[in-house]
N, C-alpha and C. Protein backbone atom coordinates (compact mmCIF):
# COMPACT_ATOMS: atom_id res chain seq x y z
N MET A 1 19.60 3.95 4.01
CA MET A 1 19.25 4.96 3.04
C MET A 1 18.03 5.72 3.54
N GLN A 2 18.20 6.96 3.83
CA GLN A 2 17.09 7.81 4.28
C GLN A 2 16.34 8.35 3.07
N VAL A 3 15.02 8.19 3.07
CA VAL A 3 14.19 8.67 1.96
C VAL A 3 13.93 10.16 2.17
N PRO A 4 14.24 10.99 1.17
CA PRO A 4 14.01 12.44 1.31
C PRO A 4 12.52 12.77 1.22
N ASP A 5 12.13 13.87 1.86
CA ASP A 5 10.75 14.36 1.80
C ASP A 5 10.55 15.13 0.50
N LYS A 6 10.42 14.41 -0.58
CA LYS A 6 10.24 15.03 -1.89
C LYS A 6 8.87 14.65 -2.43
N VAL A 7 8.27 15.57 -3.15
CA VAL A 7 7.02 15.31 -3.85
C VAL A 7 7.37 15.16 -5.32
N MET A 8 6.74 14.21 -5.97
CA MET A 8 7.01 13.98 -7.39
C MET A 8 6.62 15.21 -8.21
N PRO A 9 7.34 15.46 -9.30
CA PRO A 9 7.02 16.62 -10.15
C PRO A 9 5.60 16.53 -10.72
N VAL A 10 4.97 17.68 -10.90
CA VAL A 10 3.59 17.75 -11.37
C VAL A 10 3.43 17.11 -12.75
N PHE A 11 4.42 17.27 -13.63
CA PHE A 11 4.30 16.69 -14.96
C PHE A 11 4.17 15.17 -14.90
N LEU A 12 4.82 14.55 -13.90
CA LEU A 12 4.75 13.10 -13.74
C LEU A 12 3.33 12.66 -13.38
N LYS A 13 2.66 13.46 -12.55
CA LYS A 13 1.27 13.17 -12.19
C LYS A 13 0.39 13.24 -13.43
N LYS A 14 0.66 14.21 -14.31
CA LYS A 14 -0.12 14.33 -15.55
C LYS A 14 0.09 13.12 -16.45
N VAL A 15 1.33 12.66 -16.54
CA VAL A 15 1.64 11.50 -17.37
C VAL A 15 0.97 10.24 -16.80
N VAL A 16 1.13 10.02 -15.50
CA VAL A 16 0.53 8.84 -14.86
C VAL A 16 -0.99 8.86 -15.00
N GLY A 17 -1.57 10.05 -14.95
CA GLY A 17 -3.02 10.19 -15.08
C GLY A 17 -3.54 9.74 -16.44
N LEU A 18 -2.69 9.70 -17.44
CA LEU A 18 -3.07 9.27 -18.78
C LEU A 18 -2.97 7.75 -18.95
N LEU A 19 -2.29 7.10 -18.04
CA LEU A 19 -2.06 5.66 -18.16
C LEU A 19 -3.22 4.85 -17.59
N PRO A 20 -3.42 3.63 -18.07
CA PRO A 20 -4.47 2.77 -17.49
C PRO A 20 -4.13 2.39 -16.05
N THR A 21 -5.15 2.22 -15.23
CA THR A 21 -4.94 1.95 -13.80
C THR A 21 -4.76 0.46 -13.48
N LYS A 22 -5.21 -0.40 -14.35
CA LYS A 22 -5.15 -1.84 -14.06
C LYS A 22 -3.73 -2.41 -13.94
N PRO A 23 -2.78 -2.07 -14.83
CA PRO A 23 -1.45 -2.68 -14.70
C PRO A 23 -0.77 -2.43 -13.35
N PRO A 24 -0.75 -1.20 -12.81
CA PRO A 24 -0.12 -1.03 -11.49
C PRO A 24 -0.88 -1.78 -10.38
N ALA A 25 -2.21 -1.82 -10.48
CA ALA A 25 -3.00 -2.55 -9.48
C ALA A 25 -2.70 -4.05 -9.59
N TRP A 26 -2.56 -4.54 -10.81
CA TRP A 26 -2.23 -5.94 -11.03
C TRP A 26 -0.86 -6.27 -10.41
N LEU A 27 0.10 -5.38 -10.59
CA LEU A 27 1.44 -5.57 -10.02
C LEU A 27 1.38 -5.62 -8.50
N LEU A 28 0.61 -4.70 -7.90
CA LEU A 28 0.46 -4.70 -6.45
C LEU A 28 -0.20 -5.99 -5.96
N VAL A 29 -1.27 -6.40 -6.61
CA VAL A 29 -2.01 -7.61 -6.21
C VAL A 29 -1.12 -8.84 -6.33
N ASN A 30 -0.37 -8.94 -7.41
CA ASN A 30 0.51 -10.09 -7.59
C ASN A 30 1.64 -10.11 -6.56
N THR A 31 2.13 -8.95 -6.21
CA THR A 31 3.16 -8.86 -5.17
C THR A 31 2.59 -9.30 -3.82
N LEU A 32 1.41 -8.80 -3.48
CA LEU A 32 0.76 -9.21 -2.22
C LEU A 32 0.51 -10.71 -2.20
N ASN A 33 0.04 -11.27 -3.31
CA ASN A 33 -0.23 -12.71 -3.36
C ASN A 33 1.05 -13.53 -3.23
N GLN A 34 2.14 -13.04 -3.81
CA GLN A 34 3.43 -13.74 -3.64
C GLN A 34 3.87 -13.70 -2.19
N LEU A 35 3.72 -12.55 -1.54
CA LEU A 35 4.08 -12.44 -0.13
C LEU A 35 3.22 -13.37 0.72
N LEU A 36 1.96 -13.52 0.34
CA LEU A 36 1.08 -14.47 1.04
C LEU A 36 1.58 -15.90 0.87
N ARG A 37 1.86 -16.29 -0.38
CA ARG A 37 2.31 -17.66 -0.68
C ARG A 37 3.60 -18.00 0.05
N LYS A 38 4.49 -17.02 0.14
CA LYS A 38 5.78 -17.27 0.79
C LYS A 38 5.70 -17.07 2.30
N GLN A 39 4.51 -16.81 2.79
CA GLN A 39 4.24 -16.60 4.21
C GLN A 39 5.08 -15.47 4.81
N ILE A 40 5.31 -14.46 4.02
CA ILE A 40 5.95 -13.23 4.50
C ILE A 40 4.86 -12.28 4.98
N LEU A 41 3.77 -12.27 4.24
CA LEU A 41 2.57 -11.51 4.62
C LEU A 41 1.65 -12.49 5.33
N LEU A 42 1.57 -12.36 6.63
CA LEU A 42 0.80 -13.31 7.45
C LEU A 42 -0.60 -12.77 7.69
N ALA A 43 -1.37 -12.71 6.60
CA ALA A 43 -2.70 -12.11 6.66
C ALA A 43 -3.75 -13.15 7.01
N ASP A 44 -4.65 -12.78 7.91
CA ASP A 44 -5.85 -13.57 8.15
C ASP A 44 -6.85 -13.11 7.09
N MET A 45 -6.90 -13.83 5.99
CA MET A 45 -7.70 -13.40 4.85
C MET A 45 -9.18 -13.36 5.16
N SER A 46 -9.62 -14.06 6.19
CA SER A 46 -11.04 -14.00 6.55
C SER A 46 -11.42 -12.60 7.03
N LEU A 47 -10.46 -11.85 7.57
CA LEU A 47 -10.72 -10.48 8.01
C LEU A 47 -10.79 -9.50 6.84
N LEU A 48 -10.19 -9.88 5.71
CA LEU A 48 -10.10 -8.99 4.55
C LEU A 48 -11.06 -9.39 3.42
N ALA A 49 -11.53 -10.64 3.47
CA ALA A 49 -12.36 -11.18 2.38
C ALA A 49 -13.62 -10.34 2.17
N GLY A 50 -13.90 -10.08 0.90
CA GLY A 50 -15.09 -9.31 0.54
C GLY A 50 -14.93 -7.81 0.69
N ARG A 51 -13.78 -7.37 1.09
CA ARG A 51 -13.52 -5.94 1.30
C ARG A 51 -12.78 -5.37 0.11
N CYS A 52 -13.07 -4.11 -0.20
CA CYS A 52 -12.40 -3.40 -1.30
C CYS A 52 -11.49 -2.33 -0.73
N PHE A 53 -10.33 -2.20 -1.35
CA PHE A 53 -9.31 -1.27 -0.89
C PHE A 53 -8.87 -0.36 -2.02
N ARG A 54 -8.44 0.84 -1.65
CA ARG A 54 -7.84 1.77 -2.61
C ARG A 54 -6.59 2.34 -1.95
N ILE A 55 -5.51 2.33 -2.70
CA ILE A 55 -4.29 3.00 -2.28
C ILE A 55 -4.08 4.14 -3.27
N VAL A 56 -4.00 5.35 -2.75
CA VAL A 56 -3.81 6.53 -3.58
C VAL A 56 -2.41 7.07 -3.33
N VAL A 57 -1.60 7.07 -4.38
CA VAL A 57 -0.29 7.71 -4.32
C VAL A 57 -0.52 9.12 -4.85
N ALA A 58 -0.77 10.03 -3.93
CA ALA A 58 -1.31 11.36 -4.26
C ALA A 58 -0.44 12.16 -5.21
N ASP A 59 0.86 12.18 -4.98
CA ASP A 59 1.71 13.01 -5.83
C ASP A 59 1.91 12.43 -7.22
N LEU A 60 1.52 11.17 -7.42
CA LEU A 60 1.57 10.57 -8.75
C LEU A 60 0.18 10.48 -9.39
N GLY A 61 -0.85 10.74 -8.61
CA GLY A 61 -2.20 10.59 -9.14
C GLY A 61 -2.53 9.15 -9.44
N LEU A 62 -1.93 8.24 -8.69
CA LEU A 62 -2.09 6.82 -8.92
C LEU A 62 -3.11 6.24 -7.95
N ASN A 63 -4.13 5.57 -8.48
CA ASN A 63 -5.17 4.92 -7.67
C ASN A 63 -5.11 3.43 -7.91
N LEU A 64 -4.81 2.68 -6.88
CA LEU A 64 -4.72 1.23 -6.98
C LEU A 64 -5.89 0.62 -6.22
N CYS A 65 -6.80 -0.01 -6.95
CA CYS A 65 -7.98 -0.60 -6.33
C CYS A 65 -7.89 -2.12 -6.39
N PHE A 66 -8.18 -2.74 -5.26
CA PHE A 66 -8.14 -4.20 -5.20
C PHE A 66 -9.06 -4.67 -4.09
N SER A 67 -9.35 -5.95 -4.12
CA SER A 67 -10.18 -6.54 -3.07
C SER A 67 -9.53 -7.85 -2.64
N ALA A 68 -10.17 -8.51 -1.69
CA ALA A 68 -9.63 -9.76 -1.16
C ALA A 68 -10.71 -10.83 -1.17
N THR A 69 -10.27 -12.05 -1.37
CA THR A 69 -11.13 -13.22 -1.19
C THR A 69 -10.58 -13.96 0.03
N GLU A 70 -11.12 -15.12 0.30
CA GLU A 70 -10.61 -15.92 1.42
C GLU A 70 -9.19 -16.42 1.17
N GLU A 71 -8.78 -16.48 -0.12
CA GLU A 71 -7.48 -17.05 -0.47
C GLU A 71 -6.46 -16.06 -1.00
N ARG A 72 -6.93 -14.95 -1.62
CA ARG A 72 -5.96 -14.09 -2.29
C ARG A 72 -6.52 -12.70 -2.52
N PHE A 73 -5.67 -11.83 -3.06
CA PHE A 73 -6.05 -10.47 -3.45
C PHE A 73 -6.36 -10.47 -4.94
N VAL A 74 -7.29 -9.63 -5.36
CA VAL A 74 -7.66 -9.51 -6.77
C VAL A 74 -7.83 -8.04 -7.13
N VAL A 75 -7.56 -7.72 -8.39
CA VAL A 75 -7.76 -6.36 -8.88
C VAL A 75 -9.26 -6.08 -8.88
N ALA A 76 -9.63 -4.87 -8.48
CA ALA A 76 -11.05 -4.49 -8.42
C ALA A 76 -11.25 -3.19 -9.18
N ASP A 77 -12.49 -2.93 -9.52
CA ASP A 77 -12.84 -1.65 -10.14
C ASP A 77 -12.87 -0.58 -9.05
N ALA A 78 -12.80 0.66 -9.47
CA ALA A 78 -12.74 1.79 -8.54
C ALA A 78 -14.13 2.17 -8.03
N ALA A 79 -14.91 1.18 -7.67
CA ALA A 79 -16.25 1.45 -7.13
C ALA A 79 -16.11 1.83 -5.65
N ALA A 80 -17.14 1.62 -4.89
CA ALA A 80 -17.10 1.93 -3.46
C ALA A 80 -16.03 1.07 -2.78
N VAL A 81 -15.23 1.70 -1.95
CA VAL A 81 -14.19 0.98 -1.23
C VAL A 81 -14.46 1.02 0.27
N ASP A 82 -13.98 0.00 0.96
CA ASP A 82 -14.12 -0.06 2.41
C ASP A 82 -13.02 0.70 3.12
N LEU A 83 -11.86 0.78 2.47
CA LEU A 83 -10.72 1.44 3.09
C LEU A 83 -9.87 2.11 2.00
N CYS A 84 -9.52 3.36 2.24
CA CYS A 84 -8.65 4.10 1.32
C CYS A 84 -7.47 4.65 2.11
N LEU A 85 -6.26 4.32 1.65
CA LEU A 85 -5.03 4.87 2.23
C LEU A 85 -4.43 5.80 1.20
N SER A 86 -4.12 7.02 1.59
CA SER A 86 -3.60 8.01 0.67
C SER A 86 -2.39 8.71 1.27
N ALA A 87 -1.32 8.80 0.47
CA ALA A 87 -0.10 9.49 0.90
C ALA A 87 0.73 9.77 -0.35
N ASN A 88 1.79 10.53 -0.18
CA ASN A 88 2.73 10.76 -1.27
C ASN A 88 3.70 9.58 -1.36
N THR A 89 4.37 9.49 -2.49
CA THR A 89 5.31 8.39 -2.75
C THR A 89 6.33 8.25 -1.62
N ALA A 90 6.96 9.33 -1.24
CA ALA A 90 8.01 9.28 -0.21
C ALA A 90 7.47 8.73 1.11
N ASP A 91 6.25 9.11 1.47
CA ASP A 91 5.69 8.65 2.73
C ASP A 91 5.37 7.15 2.70
N PHE A 92 4.87 6.66 1.56
CA PHE A 92 4.64 5.21 1.45
C PHE A 92 5.96 4.45 1.52
N VAL A 93 6.98 4.96 0.85
CA VAL A 93 8.29 4.30 0.89
C VAL A 93 8.85 4.32 2.31
N LYS A 94 8.70 5.43 3.00
CA LYS A 94 9.17 5.51 4.39
C LYS A 94 8.46 4.50 5.28
N MET A 95 7.15 4.32 5.05
CA MET A 95 6.42 3.32 5.83
C MET A 95 6.96 1.93 5.56
N LEU A 96 7.14 1.61 4.27
CA LEU A 96 7.62 0.28 3.91
C LEU A 96 9.02 0.00 4.45
N LEU A 97 9.87 1.02 4.45
CA LEU A 97 11.24 0.86 4.94
C LEU A 97 11.34 1.05 6.45
N ARG A 98 10.21 1.32 7.07
CA ARG A 98 10.12 1.54 8.52
C ARG A 98 10.94 2.74 9.00
N GLN A 99 11.02 3.74 8.14
CA GLN A 99 11.66 4.99 8.53
C GLN A 99 10.65 5.92 9.19
N GLU A 100 9.37 5.67 8.95
CA GLU A 100 8.28 6.43 9.58
C GLU A 100 7.20 5.46 10.00
N ASP A 101 6.65 5.70 11.15
CA ASP A 101 5.54 4.90 11.64
C ASP A 101 4.25 5.40 11.00
N PRO A 102 3.36 4.50 10.57
CA PRO A 102 2.09 4.95 9.99
C PRO A 102 1.29 5.88 10.91
N ASP A 103 1.36 5.63 12.22
CA ASP A 103 0.64 6.48 13.17
C ASP A 103 1.17 7.91 13.13
N THR A 104 2.49 8.05 13.07
CA THR A 104 3.11 9.38 13.01
C THR A 104 2.69 10.10 11.73
N LEU A 105 2.73 9.37 10.61
CA LEU A 105 2.32 9.97 9.34
C LEU A 105 0.85 10.38 9.39
N PHE A 106 0.02 9.55 10.01
CA PHE A 106 -1.41 9.85 10.12
C PHE A 106 -1.64 11.11 10.96
N PHE A 107 -1.01 11.17 12.12
CA PHE A 107 -1.22 12.32 13.01
C PHE A 107 -0.59 13.60 12.46
N ASN A 108 0.39 13.46 11.58
CA ASN A 108 0.97 14.63 10.91
C ASN A 108 0.24 14.95 9.60
N ARG A 109 -0.87 14.27 9.36
CA ARG A 109 -1.72 14.46 8.17
C ARG A 109 -1.00 14.20 6.86
N ARG A 110 -0.03 13.30 6.89
CA ARG A 110 0.68 12.92 5.68
C ARG A 110 0.17 11.58 5.16
N LEU A 111 -0.55 10.85 5.98
CA LEU A 111 -1.23 9.62 5.59
C LEU A 111 -2.70 9.80 5.91
N LYS A 112 -3.53 9.67 4.89
CA LYS A 112 -4.97 9.78 5.09
C LYS A 112 -5.57 8.39 5.06
N ILE A 113 -6.40 8.12 6.05
CA ILE A 113 -7.10 6.83 6.13
C ILE A 113 -8.58 7.15 6.15
N GLU A 114 -9.30 6.66 5.14
CA GLU A 114 -10.72 6.92 5.04
C GLU A 114 -11.46 5.59 4.96
N GLY A 115 -12.61 5.54 5.59
CA GLY A 115 -13.42 4.33 5.53
C GLY A 115 -13.49 3.63 6.87
N ASP A 116 -13.52 2.34 6.84
CA ASP A 116 -13.67 1.49 8.01
C ASP A 116 -12.40 1.56 8.88
N THR A 117 -12.51 2.23 10.02
CA THR A 117 -11.33 2.44 10.87
C THR A 117 -10.82 1.13 11.47
N GLU A 118 -11.70 0.21 11.78
CA GLU A 118 -11.27 -1.09 12.32
C GLU A 118 -10.47 -1.85 11.26
N LEU A 119 -10.95 -1.82 10.03
CA LEU A 119 -10.23 -2.46 8.93
C LEU A 119 -8.88 -1.76 8.71
N GLY A 120 -8.86 -0.45 8.85
CA GLY A 120 -7.61 0.30 8.74
C GLY A 120 -6.58 -0.15 9.76
N LEU A 121 -7.02 -0.41 10.96
CA LEU A 121 -6.12 -0.89 12.01
C LEU A 121 -5.60 -2.28 11.69
N VAL A 122 -6.46 -3.13 11.16
CA VAL A 122 -6.05 -4.49 10.76
C VAL A 122 -4.96 -4.40 9.69
N VAL A 123 -5.18 -3.55 8.68
CA VAL A 123 -4.22 -3.40 7.59
C VAL A 123 -2.92 -2.79 8.10
N LYS A 124 -2.99 -1.79 8.94
CA LYS A 124 -1.79 -1.18 9.51
C LYS A 124 -0.97 -2.21 10.28
N ASN A 125 -1.62 -3.00 11.12
CA ASN A 125 -0.91 -4.04 11.88
C ASN A 125 -0.32 -5.10 10.96
N LEU A 126 -1.04 -5.40 9.88
CA LEU A 126 -0.55 -6.37 8.91
C LEU A 126 0.73 -5.86 8.25
N LEU A 127 0.73 -4.60 7.83
CA LEU A 127 1.93 -4.02 7.22
C LEU A 127 3.09 -3.96 8.20
N ASP A 128 2.78 -3.66 9.46
CA ASP A 128 3.82 -3.60 10.49
C ASP A 128 4.44 -4.97 10.76
N SER A 129 3.70 -6.04 10.47
CA SER A 129 4.17 -7.39 10.78
C SER A 129 5.11 -7.97 9.73
N ILE A 130 5.23 -7.32 8.59
CA ILE A 130 6.06 -7.86 7.50
C ILE A 130 7.53 -7.70 7.86
N ASP A 131 8.26 -8.80 7.73
CA ASP A 131 9.70 -8.78 7.93
C ASP A 131 10.36 -8.57 6.57
N TRP A 132 10.63 -7.31 6.25
CA TRP A 132 11.16 -6.96 4.93
C TRP A 132 12.54 -7.56 4.68
N SER A 133 13.27 -7.90 5.73
CA SER A 133 14.61 -8.46 5.55
C SER A 133 14.57 -9.85 4.92
N THR A 134 13.39 -10.47 4.85
CA THR A 134 13.27 -11.79 4.23
C THR A 134 13.06 -11.69 2.72
N ILE A 135 12.92 -10.49 2.21
CA ILE A 135 12.70 -10.28 0.77
C ILE A 135 14.02 -9.75 0.19
N PRO A 136 14.66 -10.55 -0.69
CA PRO A 136 16.00 -10.17 -1.17
C PRO A 136 16.10 -8.74 -1.71
N VAL A 137 15.15 -8.29 -2.53
CA VAL A 137 15.25 -6.96 -3.11
C VAL A 137 15.11 -5.86 -2.05
N MET A 138 14.42 -6.15 -0.96
CA MET A 138 14.23 -5.16 0.11
C MET A 138 15.34 -5.22 1.15
N LYS A 139 16.04 -6.34 1.23
CA LYS A 139 17.06 -6.54 2.26
C LYS A 139 18.08 -5.41 2.28
N SER A 140 18.58 -5.02 1.13
CA SER A 140 19.59 -3.96 1.08
C SER A 140 19.00 -2.59 1.41
N LEU A 141 17.71 -2.40 1.12
CA LEU A 141 17.08 -1.10 1.39
C LEU A 141 16.80 -0.89 2.87
N VAL A 142 16.42 -1.95 3.57
CA VAL A 142 16.09 -1.81 4.99
C VAL A 142 17.33 -1.85 5.87
N GLY A 143 18.48 -2.21 5.26
CA GLY A 143 19.72 -2.17 6.00
C GLY A 143 19.88 -3.27 7.03
N GLN A 144 19.30 -4.43 6.75
CA GLN A 144 19.43 -5.55 7.67
C GLN A 144 20.18 -6.68 7.02
């Protein structure tokens, strides 16, 4: 399934902007922690511990802030972050489905990486290491 280069409608961004930010961040954090527990996400948490992250889904106006401890990810307030990744919904989905390489998106200015560049490289390599075919809901999407 090829993801189309579509931007979400503006009205959707307005609606999402009215919603609280904690529930989507909580969902992301719980998903990451499950991937950690099942050893699908092979993160060296010592490299991420004490760091704050923000993922911005630009076309939805969605800001997901979280941090890491030595054992897990936790929801964080939108204070100062060490690393911010920003892209549109379609570009994030393409990265997850491995239809686009993060480097290509970055050099085409469709993925913005702000903050600690070394940490950004660690996170990029971590995302690249996930075997999505081991996750039942993703198996059919990645076509494996």
